[in-house]
């Protein structure tokens, strides 16, 4: 039975309604604005069959590059922060990426709707490479952060463009498998990335981790660009070609507000309350207008689907971000050994994503999400036990692996649901909202845990780094990490509640068009 047929036969009142096929290139079936299905005219076969093979490999190659950069940064960051006397800005180096990706994602959503995903992909990869050069040649932590900000813009452009590519070029039945292939792209980087990045950091220096990746950006371009030109080079059918300047202004306000929030959170002075207040005043109302109405109130359906992506990302990725620094400073591991704690997570994430792409999973998507949030909470809650000397240092390999398996279930399913709830002309905006919520939640979480980390030991480490008998990193106390992981566990517990609200309210339509039209009314 095809996934569409399984969904249509499902009688669970909480499950989404029948899947809508989309218009677009590459052979998918088309649906009119009135919801009537035209006869499907799509090639047979999977994502690696002849009609889709080049596009799938191109997308996978691009995600592979981004994944390798993420794993390499996680491994090299403790060395970079120590060398640049910036351990107190450790979280800022990560949150800067997510802050500027907010702007990149909002721009990409409109850009894709106006001209298709090709131009955003090209611009995104170029900006990403520029950021790698900035970080790799930085002589101060703030310049390093600027480089991370450029990387965020590029990553935001690329990831939205790839999701829109899936919406345009793949039929409904292949979208779960296409998104699972994105997750599978993290397997090799997660397994070999920490080893390669750790070895380069210890033998050549952390700078070569960033400079080396810069050279690799050419490879995905050679594979992806020709396939995009053939399969998804134009805008979605019925999409508006008018630039939404209001939405861009809101995106700038969100990014600026997030930046001020981070700056104030890192300063740890009473005067820093001013940028925090201004940042919140810019961030909150602008985000409420960019996201579908009801997202902050966890309204059932599309708003809660998008909110869940943000909550689980904030919980899991912040847990993962601080783990290498914890293992280096509290358990005396080398950079390579600490990076290896992340190795299993990419593989188990891919397994979870693959599992949700199987036909048997289609009628049970919301149940899989609930199971996934439980696994994420288990992984997040047990990872900080490694702070105890009696606990083996390899425990995070297991706990993060469990959490990543749950992330594979949830992240891919959330992507499928957003595309399902979107008409072709809404796909770019809704995907941008999904990624925007992801990055926004990470910014808020990293700012929160970064401030706690600095206040409870991380900030003092910068001064300690000037002492001959110690290093900046070794002065970090365990209390700083306890505060970080208490915050991530809170977010993980919240995800369990949000995961129960993804289905539409009883008696309401299951499609995505009303929810998409509700965006921008300020309902938050």
Protein backbone atom coordinates (compact mmCIF):
# COMPACT_ATOMS: atom_id res chain seq x y z
CA UNK A 1 0.00 0.00 0.00
CA UNK A 2 1.36 3.45 -0.87
CA UNK A 3 1.76 6.01 1.95
CA UNK A 4 -0.99 8.15 0.52
CA UNK A 5 -3.44 5.27 0.61
CA UNK A 6 -2.50 4.41 4.16
CA UNK A 7 -3.09 7.98 5.25
CA UNK A 8 -6.45 8.18 3.56
CA UNK A 9 -7.65 4.99 5.29
CA UNK A 10 -6.53 6.10 8.74
CA UNK A 11 -9.44 6.86 11.06
CA UNK A 12 -7.55 8.30 14.04
CA UNK A 13 -9.23 11.70 14.63
CA UNK A 14 -5.93 13.20 15.72
CA UNK A 15 -4.07 12.15 12.58
CA UNK A 16 -3.75 14.58 9.65
CA UNK A 17 -6.16 14.18 6.78
CA UNK A 18 -5.47 12.82 3.32
CA UNK A 19 -2.15 13.73 1.82
CA UNK A 20 -2.22 16.37 -0.85
CA UNK A 21 -0.02 15.90 -3.85
CA UNK A 22 1.75 19.00 -5.05
CA UNK A 23 2.32 20.70 -8.30
CA UNK A 24 5.83 21.10 -9.54
CA UNK A 25 8.46 19.64 -11.79
CA UNK A 26 9.77 16.12 -11.85
CA UNK A 27 6.40 14.45 -12.32
CA UNK A 28 4.44 14.91 -9.06
CA UNK A 29 0.68 14.95 -9.21
CA UNK A 30 -0.96 18.36 -9.12
CA UNK A 31 -3.66 19.78 -6.88
CA UNK A 32 -5.78 22.82 -7.64
CA UNK A 33 -6.48 25.53 -5.06
CA UNK A 34 -9.88 23.96 -4.58
CA UNK A 35 -8.23 20.74 -3.44
CA UNK A 36 -9.23 18.63 -6.48
CA UNK A 37 -6.65 16.00 -7.46
CA UNK A 38 -5.62 15.81 -11.10
CA UNK A 39 -4.56 12.41 -12.40
CA UNK A 40 -1.06 11.63 -11.15
CA UNK A 41 1.71 11.56 -13.74
CA UNK A 42 4.85 10.64 -11.87
CA UNK A 43 7.68 8.25 -12.69
CA UNK A 44 7.91 4.99 -10.78
CA UNK A 45 10.89 4.14 -8.59
CA UNK A 46 12.55 5.61 -5.51
CA UNK A 47 14.70 8.64 -4.81
CA UNK A 48 17.69 6.93 -6.45
CA UNK A 49 15.80 5.92 -9.58
CA UNK A 50 16.87 7.58 -12.82
CA UNK A 51 14.46 10.57 -12.76
CA UNK A 52 15.53 11.61 -9.24
CA UNK A 53 19.05 10.20 -8.78
CA UNK A 54 21.12 13.26 -9.70
CA UNK A 55 18.95 15.62 -7.66
CA UNK A 56 19.00 13.33 -4.62
CA UNK A 57 22.78 12.94 -4.75
CA UNK A 58 23.24 16.68 -5.20
CA UNK A 59 21.08 17.49 -2.18
CA UNK A 60 22.81 14.80 -0.12
CA UNK A 61 26.25 16.15 -1.08
CA UNK A 62 25.24 19.63 0.08
CA UNK A 63 23.84 18.39 3.38
CA UNK A 64 26.98 16.28 3.77
CA UNK A 65 29.12 19.42 3.64
CA UNK A 66 26.98 21.23 6.21
CA UNK A 67 26.96 18.15 8.43
CA UNK A 68 30.73 17.78 8.31
CA UNK A 69 31.14 21.44 9.22
CA UNK A 70 28.79 21.05 12.18
CA UNK A 71 30.62 18.00 13.52
CA UNK A 72 34.02 19.60 12.92
CA UNK A 73 33.02 22.81 14.70
CA UNK A 74 31.75 20.84 17.68
CA UNK A 75 35.12 19.10 17.96
CA UNK A 76 37.38 22.09 17.28
CA UNK A 77 35.46 24.74 19.25
CA UNK A 78 37.05 24.07 22.68
CA UNK A 79 40.50 24.60 21.13
CA UNK A 80 39.41 27.69 19.20
CA UNK A 81 37.75 29.28 22.23
CA UNK A 82 40.80 28.65 24.40
CA UNK A 83 43.27 29.92 21.78
CA UNK A 84 41.27 33.12 21.26
CA UNK A 85 40.66 33.67 25.01
CA UNK A 86 36.93 33.35 24.39
CA UNK A 87 35.64 30.47 26.51
CA UNK A 88 33.05 32.82 28.03
CA UNK A 89 31.70 33.35 24.48
CA UNK A 90 31.58 29.63 23.75
CA UNK A 91 27.79 29.53 23.39
CA UNK A 92 27.80 32.80 21.44
CA UNK A 93 29.90 31.20 18.70
CA UNK A 94 27.08 28.72 18.15
CA UNK A 95 24.14 31.04 18.69
CA UNK A 96 25.55 33.59 16.22
CA UNK A 97 25.12 30.94 13.54
CA UNK A 98 21.47 30.42 14.43
CA UNK A 99 20.80 34.16 14.77
CA UNK A 100 21.86 35.06 11.25
CA UNK A 101 20.32 31.92 9.82
CA UNK A 102 16.97 33.42 10.88
CA UNK A 103 17.51 36.16 8.32
CA UNK A 104 18.82 33.75 5.70
CA UNK A 105 15.80 31.49 6.07
CA UNK A 106 13.27 34.31 5.78
CA UNK A 107 15.01 35.63 2.67
CA UNK A 108 15.23 32.13 1.20
CA UNK A 109 11.51 31.46 1.65
CA UNK A 110 10.54 34.46 -0.49
CA UNK A 111 13.44 33.96 -2.87
CA UNK A 112 12.36 30.38 -3.56
CA UNK A 113 8.75 31.42 -4.04
CA UNK A 114 9.81 34.11 -6.55
CA UNK A 115 12.43 32.29 -8.61
CA UNK A 116 12.89 28.73 -7.35
CA UNK A 117 15.62 27.22 -5.17
CA UNK A 118 18.64 27.44 -7.51
CA UNK A 119 19.74 31.02 -6.80
CA UNK A 120 19.36 30.70 -2.98
CA UNK A 121 21.49 27.53 -3.06
CA UNK A 122 24.29 29.26 -4.97
CA UNK A 123 24.23 32.35 -2.77
CA UNK A 124 24.01 30.27 0.39
CA UNK A 125 27.01 28.08 -0.37
CA UNK A 126 29.11 31.12 -1.35
CA UNK A 127 28.22 32.94 1.89
CA UNK A 128 28.86 29.79 3.90
CA UNK A 129 32.36 29.52 2.41
CA UNK A 130 33.07 33.18 3.18
CA UNK A 131 32.15 32.58 6.82
CA UNK A 132 34.52 29.62 7.01
CA UNK A 133 37.36 31.85 5.79
CA UNK A 134 36.53 34.50 8.42
CA UNK A 135 36.52 31.97 11.25
CA UNK A 136 39.61 30.16 10.04
CA UNK A 137 41.69 33.34 9.92
CA UNK A 138 40.23 35.07 13.02
CA UNK A 139 42.65 36.66 15.49
CA UNK A 140 40.00 37.39 18.12
CA UNK A 141 36.90 35.61 19.35
CA UNK A 142 34.60 38.34 18.07
CA UNK A 143 35.96 38.00 14.51
CA UNK A 144 35.49 34.26 14.84
CA UNK A 145 31.86 34.91 15.83
CA UNK A 146 31.43 37.15 12.76
CA UNK A 147 32.57 34.24 10.62
CA UNK A 148 30.04 31.99 12.30
CA UNK A 149 27.39 34.62 11.54
CA UNK A 150 28.20 34.48 7.81
CA UNK A 151 28.00 30.71 7.96
CA UNK A 152 24.54 31.06 9.50
CA UNK A 153 23.27 33.22 6.64
CA UNK A 154 24.55 30.72 4.11
CA UNK A 155 23.18 27.74 5.99
CA UNK A 156 19.76 29.40 6.31
CA UNK A 157 19.57 30.05 2.58
CA UNK A 158 20.60 26.52 1.67
CA UNK A 159 18.43 24.50 4.05
CA UNK A 160 15.16 26.24 3.09
CA UNK A 161 16.04 25.92 -0.60
CA UNK A 162 16.62 22.18 -0.21
CA UNK A 163 13.28 21.67 1.55
CA UNK A 164 11.51 23.59 -1.22
CA UNK A 165 13.37 21.43 -3.74
CA UNK A 166 11.84 18.35 -2.10
CA UNK A 167 8.39 19.98 -2.33
CA UNK A 168 8.81 20.90 -6.01
CA UNK A 169 10.69 17.97 -7.49
CA UNK A 170 9.63 14.88 -5.53
CA UNK A 171 6.14 13.35 -5.43
CA UNK A 172 4.41 12.99 -2.08
CA UNK A 173 5.26 9.30 -1.76
CA UNK A 174 9.02 10.02 -2.01
CA UNK A 175 9.28 13.03 0.29
CA UNK A 176 9.74 11.02 3.51
CA UNK A 177 12.54 9.07 1.81
CA UNK A 178 14.13 12.27 0.48
CA UNK A 179 14.13 13.82 3.95
CA UNK A 180 15.47 10.56 5.37
CA UNK A 181 18.33 10.82 2.87
CA UNK A 182 19.11 14.26 4.30
CA UNK A 183 19.36 12.71 7.76
CA UNK A 184 21.46 9.83 6.42
CA UNK A 185 23.93 12.42 5.16
CA UNK A 186 24.93 13.00 8.78
CA UNK A 187 26.08 9.40 9.31
CA UNK A 188 29.55 9.58 7.75
CA UNK A 189 30.37 13.06 9.13
CA UNK A 190 29.24 12.02 12.60
CA UNK A 191 31.45 8.94 12.54
CA UNK A 192 34.61 10.27 10.88
CA UNK A 193 34.18 14.02 11.35
CA UNK A 194 35.25 14.10 15.03
CA UNK A 195 38.28 11.93 14.30
CA UNK A 196 39.37 14.02 11.32
CA UNK A 197 38.68 17.36 13.01
CA UNK A 198 40.31 16.25 16.27
CA UNK A 199 43.42 14.98 14.49
CA UNK A 200 43.72 18.17 12.44
CA UNK A 201 43.23 20.29 15.58
CA UNK A 202 45.91 18.42 17.52
CA UNK A 203 48.42 18.07 14.66
CA UNK A 204 47.94 21.20 12.52
CA UNK A 205 45.76 23.52 14.59
CA UNK A 206 42.06 24.30 14.78
CA UNK A 207 42.23 26.90 11.96
CA UNK A 208 42.78 24.23 9.34
CA UNK A 209 39.48 22.60 10.26
CA UNK A 210 37.65 25.66 8.93
CA UNK A 211 40.00 26.47 6.07
CA UNK A 212 39.97 22.87 4.84
CA UNK A 213 36.17 22.74 4.64
CA UNK A 214 36.22 25.93 2.53
CA UNK A 215 37.87 24.02 -0.30
CA UNK A 216 35.20 21.32 -0.24
CA UNK A 217 32.28 23.63 -1.13
CA UNK A 218 33.00 23.18 -4.83
CA UNK A 219 32.07 19.47 -4.78
CA UNK A 220 28.34 19.73 -3.94
CA UNK A 221 27.95 22.59 -6.42
CA UNK A 222 29.23 20.42 -9.25
CA UNK A 223 26.62 17.75 -8.46
CA UNK A 224 23.62 19.81 -7.35
CA UNK A 225 23.47 22.78 -9.71
CA UNK A 226 22.90 20.85 -12.99
CA UNK A 227 20.23 18.70 -11.33
CA UNK A 228 18.48 21.76 -9.91
CA UNK A 229 18.45 23.44 -13.31
CA UNK A 230 16.66 20.42 -14.77
CA UNK A 231 14.22 19.58 -11.99
CA UNK A 232 13.46 22.60 -9.81
CA UNK A 233 14.76 25.74 -11.44
CA UNK A 234 11.50 27.66 -11.55
CA UNK A 235 9.12 29.04 -8.90
CA UNK A 236 6.22 26.97 -7.54
CA UNK A 237 3.03 27.13 -9.56
CA UNK A 238 0.80 29.94 -8.30
CA UNK A 239 3.44 31.48 -6.05
CA UNK A 240 3.47 35.25 -5.66
CA UNK A 241 6.30 37.05 -7.47
CA UNK A 242 5.90 40.15 -5.31
CA UNK A 243 8.58 40.83 -2.70
CA UNK A 244 7.08 40.89 0.79
CA UNK A 245 9.07 43.79 2.26
CA UNK A 246 7.12 43.62 5.51
CA UNK A 247 8.25 40.05 6.09
CA UNK A 248 11.86 40.98 5.38
CA UNK A 249 11.67 43.87 7.86
CA UNK A 250 10.29 41.50 10.47
CA UNK A 251 13.11 39.04 9.77
CA UNK A 252 15.71 41.79 10.22
CA UNK A 253 14.02 42.79 13.48
CA UNK A 254 14.13 39.18 14.70
CA UNK A 255 17.81 38.81 13.86
CA UNK A 256 18.70 42.16 15.42
CA UNK A 257 16.65 41.41 18.51
CA UNK A 258 18.29 38.01 18.87
CA UNK A 259 21.73 39.59 18.55
CA UNK A 260 20.98 42.16 21.26
CA UNK A 261 19.58 39.44 23.48
CA UNK A 262 22.77 37.41 23.16
CA UNK A 263 25.02 40.43 23.68
CA UNK A 264 23.23 41.43 26.85
CA UNK A 265 23.13 37.87 28.10
CA UNK A 266 26.89 37.52 27.80
CA UNK A 267 27.87 40.81 29.43
CA UNK A 268 26.72 39.92 32.99
CA UNK A 269 26.35 43.56 34.07
CA UNK A 270 23.30 45.52 35.16
CA UNK A 271 23.67 47.81 32.15
CA UNK A 272 23.28 44.73 29.94
CA UNK A 273 19.60 44.61 30.89
CA UNK A 274 19.04 47.43 28.37
CA UNK A 275 20.08 45.46 25.25
CA UNK A 276 18.21 42.44 26.64
CA UNK A 277 15.01 44.50 26.97
CA UNK A 278 15.39 46.07 23.53
CA UNK A 279 16.19 42.67 22.03
CA UNK A 280 13.07 41.10 23.51
CA UNK A 281 10.95 44.05 22.35
CA UNK A 282 12.16 43.51 18.79
CA UNK A 283 12.23 39.73 18.86
CA UNK A 284 8.92 38.68 20.40
CA UNK A 285 6.37 40.65 18.33
CA UNK A 286 8.32 40.22 15.09
CA UNK A 287 8.61 36.45 15.54
CA UNK A 288 4.87 36.24 16.34
CA UNK A 289 4.12 37.81 12.97
CA UNK A 290 6.59 35.71 11.01
CA UNK A 291 5.38 32.38 12.36
CA UNK A 292 1.91 30.90 11.79
CA UNK A 293 -0.68 32.38 14.13
CA UNK A 294 -0.91 30.40 17.34
CA UNK A 295 2.65 29.04 17.30
CA UNK A 296 3.55 30.51 20.69
CA UNK A 297 0.20 29.38 22.10
CA UNK A 298 0.75 25.86 20.73
CA UNK A 299 -2.43 25.87 18.68
CA UNK A 300 -3.18 22.42 17.27
CA UNK A 301 -2.05 21.57 13.76
CA UNK A 302 0.59 23.47 11.81
CA UNK A 303 1.46 25.96 14.61
CA UNK A 304 2.32 23.15 17.05
CA UNK A 305 4.17 21.21 14.35
CA UNK A 306 6.46 24.20 13.83
CA UNK A 307 6.77 24.89 17.56
CA UNK A 308 7.81 21.28 18.22
CA UNK A 309 10.72 21.60 15.80
CA UNK A 310 12.03 24.54 17.80
CA UNK A 311 11.61 22.90 21.21
CA UNK A 312 13.33 19.62 20.34
CA UNK A 313 16.19 21.40 18.57
CA UNK A 314 16.77 23.66 21.55
CA UNK A 315 16.84 20.70 23.92
CA UNK A 316 18.99 18.30 21.92
CA UNK A 317 21.43 20.59 20.13
CA UNK A 318 22.30 22.59 23.25
CA UNK A 319 22.95 19.30 25.04
CA UNK A 320 25.25 18.25 22.22
CA UNK A 321 26.95 21.65 21.92
CA UNK A 322 28.37 21.75 25.45
CA UNK A 323 29.34 18.08 25.64
CA UNK A 324 32.86 18.29 24.06
CA UNK A 325 33.77 21.20 26.36
CA UNK A 326 32.43 19.27 29.35
CA UNK A 327 34.51 16.20 28.52
CA UNK A 328 37.67 18.23 27.92
CA UNK A 329 37.38 20.31 31.09
CA UNK A 330 35.75 17.88 33.53
CA UNK A 331 36.93 14.43 32.39
CA UNK A 332 40.34 15.41 30.90
CA UNK A 333 39.72 13.93 27.47
CA UNK A 334 41.59 15.06 24.36
CA UNK A 335 39.81 17.04 21.66
CA UNK A 336 39.57 13.94 19.47
CA UNK A 337 38.23 11.78 22.28
CA UNK A 338 35.68 14.41 23.25
CA UNK A 339 34.56 14.75 19.65
CA UNK A 340 34.02 11.02 19.41
CA UNK A 341 31.19 11.35 21.95
CA UNK A 342 29.16 12.76 19.06
CA UNK A 343 30.01 9.91 16.70
CA UNK A 344 27.05 7.59 17.23
CA UNK A 345 24.37 10.28 17.15
CA UNK A 346 24.48 10.84 13.39
CA UNK A 347 24.04 7.14 12.69
CA UNK A 348 21.13 6.62 15.09
CA UNK A 349 19.51 9.85 13.85
CA UNK A 350 19.63 8.46 10.32
CA UNK A 351 18.19 5.12 11.45
CA UNK A 352 15.28 6.90 13.13
CA UNK A 353 14.70 9.01 10.03
CA UNK A 354 14.84 5.94 7.80
CA UNK A 355 12.34 4.12 10.01
CA UNK A 356 9.79 6.93 9.73
CA UNK A 357 10.08 6.85 5.94
CA UNK A 358 8.81 3.25 5.68
CA UNK A 359 5.23 2.76 4.42
CA UNK A 360 4.17 1.10 7.68
CA UNK A 361 4.88 4.34 9.55
CA UNK A 362 2.48 6.52 7.56
CA UNK A 363 -0.70 5.85 9.59
CA UNK A 364 1.20 6.26 12.87
CA UNK A 365 3.14 9.49 12.37
CA UNK A 366 1.83 11.28 15.44
CA UNK A 367 2.40 8.23 17.63
CA UNK A 368 6.00 8.09 16.36
CA UNK A 369 6.44 11.74 17.29
CA UNK A 370 5.28 11.04 20.83
CA UNK A 371 7.71 8.12 21.10
CA UNK A 372 10.46 10.29 19.66
CA UNK A 373 9.99 13.05 22.22
CA UNK A 374 10.23 10.49 25.03
CA UNK A 375 13.52 9.19 23.62
CA UNK A 376 14.86 12.74 23.24
CA UNK A 377 14.00 13.51 26.86
CA UNK A 378 15.67 10.31 28.02
CA UNK A 379 18.85 11.14 26.11
CA UNK A 380 18.98 14.77 27.21
CA UNK A 381 18.27 13.93 30.85
CA UNK A 382 20.91 11.22 31.20
CA UNK A 383 23.81 12.81 29.28
CA UNK A 384 25.00 15.12 32.12
CA UNK A 385 25.47 12.10 34.42
CA UNK A 386 28.96 11.96 32.89
CA UNK A 387 29.87 14.81 35.26
CA UNK A 388 30.08 12.14 37.97
CA UNK A 389 33.51 10.49 38.16
CA UNK A 390 31.88 7.11 38.82
CA UNK A 391 30.10 7.23 35.45
CA UNK A 392 32.09 5.93 32.45
CA UNK A 393 33.16 8.60 29.98
CA UNK A 394 31.54 6.70 27.11
CA UNK A 395 28.02 7.12 28.55
CA UNK A 396 27.20 10.15 26.32
CA UNK A 397 27.81 8.01 23.24
CA UNK A 398 24.83 5.90 24.33
CA UNK A 399 22.61 8.68 25.68
CA UNK A 400 23.09 11.00 22.72
CA UNK A 401 22.53 8.03 20.43
CA UNK A 402 19.16 7.34 22.06
CA UNK A 403 18.18 11.00 21.82
CA UNK A 404 19.33 11.19 18.20
CA UNK A 405 17.19 8.18 17.30
CA UNK A 406 14.20 10.10 18.65
CA UNK A 407 15.31 13.20 16.72
CA UNK A 408 15.33 11.13 13.53
CA UNK A 409 11.73 10.14 14.17
CA UNK A 410 10.57 13.64 15.00
CA UNK A 411 12.52 15.98 12.72
CA UNK A 412 11.77 14.12 9.50
CA UNK A 413 8.11 13.63 10.44
CA UNK A 414 7.75 17.32 11.27
CA UNK A 415 9.16 18.16 7.84
CA UNK A 416 6.68 15.81 6.17
CA UNK A 417 3.75 17.30 8.11
CA UNK A 418 4.70 20.88 7.23
CA UNK A 419 4.85 20.00 3.54
CA UNK A 420 1.55 18.13 3.86
CA UNK A 421 -0.16 21.10 5.49
CA UNK A 422 1.11 23.46 2.74
CA UNK A 423 -0.23 24.22 -0.71
CA UNK A 424 2.45 24.68 -3.40
CA UNK A 425 2.45 28.46 -3.13
CA UNK A 426 2.71 28.30 0.69
CA UNK A 427 5.55 25.76 0.80
CA UNK A 428 8.40 28.28 0.78
CA UNK A 429 6.89 30.42 3.53
CA UNK A 430 5.95 27.49 5.76
CA UNK A 431 9.33 25.80 5.37
CA UNK A 432 11.00 29.12 6.18
CA UNK A 433 8.80 29.37 9.29
CA UNK A 434 9.83 25.83 10.30
CA UNK A 435 13.52 26.60 9.99
CA UNK A 436 13.08 30.04 11.54
CA UNK A 437 11.44 28.53 14.63
CA UNK A 438 14.26 25.99 14.83
CA UNK A 439 16.94 28.67 14.78
CA UNK A 440 15.02 31.07 17.01
CA UNK A 441 14.58 28.41 19.69
CA UNK A 442 18.28 27.58 19.49
CA UNK A 443 19.20 31.25 19.84
CA UNK A 444 17.02 31.67 22.93
CA UNK A 445 18.25 28.43 24.48
CA UNK A 446 21.93 29.07 23.74
CA UNK A 447 21.61 32.62 25.06
CA UNK A 448 20.00 31.31 28.24
CA UNK A 449 22.48 28.53 28.85
CA UNK A 450 25.37 30.71 27.73
CA UNK A 451 24.48 33.34 30.32
CA UNK A 452 24.11 30.68 33.01
CA UNK A 453 27.39 29.12 31.95
CA UNK A 454 29.24 32.45 32.09
CA UNK A 455 27.70 33.44 35.42
CA UNK A 456 28.48 30.13 37.11
CA UNK A 457 32.07 29.57 36.03
CA UNK A 458 32.59 30.00 32.32
CA UNK A 459 33.28 33.73 32.47
CA UNK A 460 35.91 33.37 35.17
CA UNK A 461 37.82 30.97 32.98
CA UNK A 462 38.85 33.72 30.59
CA UNK A 463 40.84 35.48 33.30
CA UNK A 464 42.23 32.20 34.54
CA UNK A 465 43.63 31.55 31.09
CA UNK A 466 46.31 34.19 31.68
CA UNK A 467 47.80 32.20 34.54
CA UNK A 468 50.85 30.16 33.60
CA UNK A 469 49.80 27.11 35.56
CA UNK A 470 46.34 26.64 34.02
CA UNK A 471 44.44 27.03 30.81
CA UNK A 472 41.26 28.92 30.10
CA UNK A 473 39.25 25.79 29.59
CA UNK A 474 40.41 23.94 32.68
CA UNK A 475 39.04 26.63 35.00
CA UNK A 476 35.41 25.93 34.14
CA UNK A 477 33.53 24.53 37.14
CA UNK A 478 30.96 21.69 37.04
CA UNK A 479 28.20 23.95 38.36
CA UNK A 480 28.14 25.80 35.03
CA UNK A 481 27.37 22.57 33.20
CA UNK A 482 24.69 21.53 35.72
CA UNK A 483 22.83 24.77 34.96
CA UNK A 484 23.15 24.22 31.21
CA UNK A 485 21.70 20.72 31.34
CA UNK A 486 18.89 21.66 33.72
CA UNK A 487 17.69 24.11 31.07
CA UNK A 488 17.93 21.58 28.24
CA UNK A 489 16.01 18.97 30.24
CA UNK A 490 13.22 21.49 30.83
CA UNK A 491 12.90 22.04 27.09
CA UNK A 492 12.90 18.29 26.44
CA UNK A 493 10.05 17.77 28.90
CA UNK A 494 8.11 20.54 27.17
CA UNK A 495 8.51 18.72 23.85
CA UNK A 496 6.49 15.79 25.19
CA UNK A 497 3.52 18.09 25.78
CA UNK A 498 3.86 19.82 22.40
CA UNK A 499 4.10 16.46 20.62
CA UNK A 500 0.52 15.68 21.64
CA UNK A 501 -0.86 18.71 19.81
CA UNK A 502 0.20 18.11 16.20
CA UNK A 503 -3.10 16.81 14.86
CA UNK A 504 -5.76 19.34 13.87
CA UNK A 505 -8.49 20.13 16.36
CA UNK A 506 -11.52 17.85 16.16
CA UNK A 507 -13.94 19.10 13.55
CA UNK A 508 -11.41 21.37 11.83
CA UNK A 509 -10.00 20.83 8.32
CA UNK A 510 -6.71 18.91 8.19
CA UNK A 511 -5.24 20.77 5.26
CA UNK A 512 -2.61 23.42 5.57
CA UNK A 513 -4.06 26.31 3.61
CA UNK A 514 -6.00 28.00 6.45
CA UNK A 515 -3.05 27.78 8.76
CA UNK A 516 -0.80 29.23 6.11
CA UNK A 517 -3.17 32.13 5.49
CA UNK A 518 -3.28 32.82 9.21
CA UNK A 519 0.40 33.72 9.26
CA UNK A 520 1.06 37.36 9.90
CA UNK A 521 -2.04 38.33 11.86
CA UNK A 522 -0.06 38.84 15.02
CA UNK A 523 -1.84 36.10 16.84
CA UNK A 524 1.43 34.42 17.83
